[in-house]
Amino acid sequence: MPSRRRFRHVVRIGPVQVATYHDGRGREKHTAACTAPRCGFSTDYDSRAAAELAARTHRCPVR
């Protein structure tokens, strides 16, 4: 049964939200996910800086 992720330190950069969580093995991970309709952009990173860079440079293909 997968555990529920608890996101913390959530920041919004444009339409993208960046958050920090712990994966199933206890490692700290960072995610960037676009909240625009029909976009579907969501990726996980090992560093917060990489997630924030992805959020700043993201361009939605659907407008």
N, C-alpha and C. Protein backbone atom coordinates (compact mmCIF):
# COMPACT_ATOMS: atom_id res chain seq x y z
N MET A 1 0.84 -1.16 0.00
CA MET A 1 0.00 0.00 0.00
C MET A 1 0.90 1.24 0.00
N PRO A 2 0.78 2.09 -1.00
CA PRO A 2 1.63 3.29 -1.05
C PRO A 2 1.25 4.28 0.04
N SER A 3 2.28 4.89 0.58
CA SER A 3 2.02 5.89 1.62
C SER A 3 1.69 7.23 0.97
N ARG A 4 1.00 8.04 1.72
CA ARG A 4 0.62 9.35 1.22
C ARG A 4 1.77 10.33 1.41
N ARG A 5 2.09 11.09 0.39
CA ARG A 5 3.18 12.04 0.48
C ARG A 5 2.74 13.29 1.24
N ARG A 6 3.61 13.76 2.11
CA ARG A 6 3.36 15.00 2.84
C ARG A 6 4.30 16.05 2.29
N PHE A 7 3.75 16.96 1.54
CA PHE A 7 4.55 18.01 0.94
C PHE A 7 4.76 19.15 1.93
N ARG A 8 5.97 19.68 1.93
CA ARG A 8 6.27 20.81 2.79
C ARG A 8 7.09 21.81 1.98
N HIS A 9 7.16 23.00 2.47
CA HIS A 9 7.88 24.09 1.81
C HIS A 9 7.41 24.24 0.36
N VAL A 10 6.11 24.41 0.20
CA VAL A 10 5.50 24.55 -1.12
C VAL A 10 5.61 26.01 -1.57
N VAL A 11 6.13 26.20 -2.79
CA VAL A 11 6.31 27.53 -3.37
C VAL A 11 5.71 27.50 -4.78
N ARG A 12 5.06 28.58 -5.14
CA ARG A 12 4.48 28.68 -6.49
C ARG A 12 5.31 29.65 -7.32
N ILE A 13 5.79 29.17 -8.48
CA ILE A 13 6.56 29.99 -9.42
C ILE A 13 5.79 29.97 -10.74
N GLY A 14 5.05 31.03 -11.00
CA GLY A 14 4.17 31.05 -12.17
C GLY A 14 3.09 30.00 -11.98
N PRO A 15 2.83 29.18 -13.00
CA PRO A 15 1.82 28.12 -12.85
C PRO A 15 2.38 26.85 -12.20
N VAL A 16 3.68 26.83 -11.89
CA VAL A 16 4.33 25.63 -11.37
C VAL A 16 4.48 25.71 -9.85
N GLN A 17 4.15 24.61 -9.18
CA GLN A 17 4.37 24.51 -7.74
C GLN A 17 5.59 23.64 -7.48
N VAL A 18 6.45 24.09 -6.58
CA VAL A 18 7.64 23.35 -6.18
C VAL A 18 7.46 22.96 -4.72
N ALA A 19 7.71 21.69 -4.38
CA ALA A 19 7.53 21.21 -3.01
C ALA A 19 8.61 20.19 -2.65
N THR A 20 8.79 20.00 -1.35
CA THR A 20 9.74 19.04 -0.82
C THR A 20 8.98 17.93 -0.10
N TYR A 21 9.45 16.68 -0.24
CA TYR A 21 8.82 15.55 0.44
C TYR A 21 9.87 14.47 0.68
N HIS A 22 9.53 13.46 1.46
CA HIS A 22 10.39 12.31 1.69
C HIS A 22 9.80 11.12 0.93
N ASP A 23 10.65 10.44 0.14
CA ASP A 23 10.17 9.29 -0.61
C ASP A 23 10.04 8.07 0.31
N GLY A 24 9.68 6.93 -0.23
CA GLY A 24 9.46 5.73 0.56
C GLY A 24 10.70 5.22 1.28
N ARG A 25 11.87 5.63 0.83
CA ARG A 25 13.11 5.19 1.47
C ARG A 25 13.67 6.22 2.44
N GLY A 26 12.93 7.28 2.69
CA GLY A 26 13.35 8.28 3.65
C GLY A 26 14.25 9.37 3.09
N ARG A 27 14.48 9.35 1.79
CA ARG A 27 15.32 10.39 1.17
C ARG A 27 14.49 11.62 0.88
N GLU A 28 15.12 12.78 0.98
CA GLU A 28 14.43 14.04 0.68
C GLU A 28 14.43 14.25 -0.84
N LYS A 29 13.26 14.48 -1.39
CA LYS A 29 13.08 14.72 -2.81
C LYS A 29 12.35 16.03 -3.02
N HIS A 30 12.46 16.56 -4.22
CA HIS A 30 11.81 17.82 -4.57
C HIS A 30 11.06 17.61 -5.87
N THR A 31 9.88 18.17 -5.96
CA THR A 31 9.07 18.00 -7.15
C THR A 31 8.63 19.35 -7.70
N ALA A 32 8.46 19.40 -9.01
CA ALA A 32 7.92 20.57 -9.70
C ALA A 32 6.75 20.08 -10.54
N ALA A 33 5.58 20.68 -10.35
CA ALA A 33 4.39 20.26 -11.06
C ALA A 33 3.61 21.48 -11.54
N CYS A 34 3.23 21.47 -12.81
CA CYS A 34 2.46 22.57 -13.38
C CYS A 34 0.99 22.38 -13.05
N THR A 35 0.33 23.46 -12.66
CA THR A 35 -1.09 23.41 -12.29
C THR A 35 -2.00 23.89 -13.41
N ALA A 36 -1.45 24.20 -14.57
CA ALA A 36 -2.28 24.65 -15.69
C ALA A 36 -3.10 23.48 -16.24
N PRO A 37 -4.32 23.74 -16.69
CA PRO A 37 -5.15 22.67 -17.25
C PRO A 37 -4.50 22.04 -18.48
N ARG A 38 -4.56 20.72 -18.56
CA ARG A 38 -4.07 19.93 -19.69
C ARG A 38 -2.57 20.05 -19.94
N CYS A 39 -1.78 20.46 -18.98
CA CYS A 39 -0.34 20.58 -19.18
C CYS A 39 0.35 19.25 -18.89
N GLY A 40 0.22 18.72 -17.69
CA GLY A 40 0.79 17.42 -17.36
C GLY A 40 2.26 17.41 -16.98
N PHE A 41 2.89 18.56 -16.80
CA PHE A 41 4.30 18.63 -16.42
C PHE A 41 4.46 18.32 -14.94
N SER A 42 5.25 17.31 -14.62
CA SER A 42 5.53 16.95 -13.23
C SER A 42 6.80 16.11 -13.20
N THR A 43 7.81 16.57 -12.45
CA THR A 43 9.06 15.82 -12.35
C THR A 43 9.62 15.90 -10.94
N ASP A 44 10.41 14.89 -10.58
CA ASP A 44 11.06 14.83 -9.28
C ASP A 44 12.56 15.08 -9.44
N TYR A 45 13.15 15.74 -8.46
CA TYR A 45 14.57 16.09 -8.49
C TYR A 45 15.20 15.77 -7.14
N ASP A 46 16.52 15.63 -7.14
CA ASP A 46 17.26 15.38 -5.91
C ASP A 46 17.59 16.68 -5.18
N SER A 47 17.64 17.80 -5.90
CA SER A 47 17.98 19.07 -5.26
C SER A 47 16.87 20.09 -5.46
N ARG A 48 16.71 20.95 -4.50
CA ARG A 48 15.70 22.01 -4.55
C ARG A 48 16.01 23.00 -5.68
N ALA A 49 17.29 23.29 -5.88
CA ALA A 49 17.69 24.24 -6.91
C ALA A 49 17.29 23.74 -8.30
N ALA A 50 17.43 22.45 -8.55
CA ALA A 50 17.04 21.89 -9.85
C ALA A 50 15.53 21.99 -10.06
N ALA A 51 14.76 21.74 -9.02
CA ALA A 51 13.30 21.83 -9.14
C ALA A 51 12.86 23.27 -9.40
N GLU A 52 13.49 24.22 -8.71
CA GLU A 52 13.13 25.62 -8.92
C GLU A 52 13.57 26.11 -10.30
N LEU A 53 14.71 25.63 -10.80
CA LEU A 53 15.13 25.99 -12.15
C LEU A 53 14.16 25.45 -13.19
N ALA A 54 13.70 24.23 -13.00
CA ALA A 54 12.72 23.66 -13.92
C ALA A 54 11.42 24.46 -13.90
N ALA A 55 11.03 24.93 -12.73
CA ALA A 55 9.80 25.73 -12.61
C ALA A 55 9.96 27.07 -13.31
N ARG A 56 11.12 27.68 -13.18
CA ARG A 56 11.34 28.99 -13.80
C ARG A 56 11.43 28.91 -15.33
N THR A 57 11.92 27.81 -15.87
CA THR A 57 12.12 27.69 -17.31
C THR A 57 10.99 26.92 -18.01
N HIS A 58 10.00 26.44 -17.27
CA HIS A 58 8.91 25.66 -17.85
C HIS A 58 8.02 26.54 -18.74
N ARG A 59 7.68 26.02 -19.89
CA ARG A 59 6.73 26.67 -20.80
C ARG A 59 5.66 25.64 -21.14
N CYS A 60 4.43 25.95 -20.85
CA CYS A 60 3.32 25.03 -21.12
C CYS A 60 3.12 24.88 -22.63
N PRO A 61 3.03 23.64 -23.12
CA PRO A 61 2.79 23.44 -24.55
C PRO A 61 1.35 23.77 -24.94
N VAL A 62 0.42 23.68 -24.00
CA VAL A 62 -0.99 23.97 -24.28
C VAL A 62 -1.31 25.35 -23.72
N ARG A 63 -1.87 26.20 -24.55
CA ARG A 63 -2.23 27.55 -24.08
C ARG A 63 -3.67 27.83 -24.41
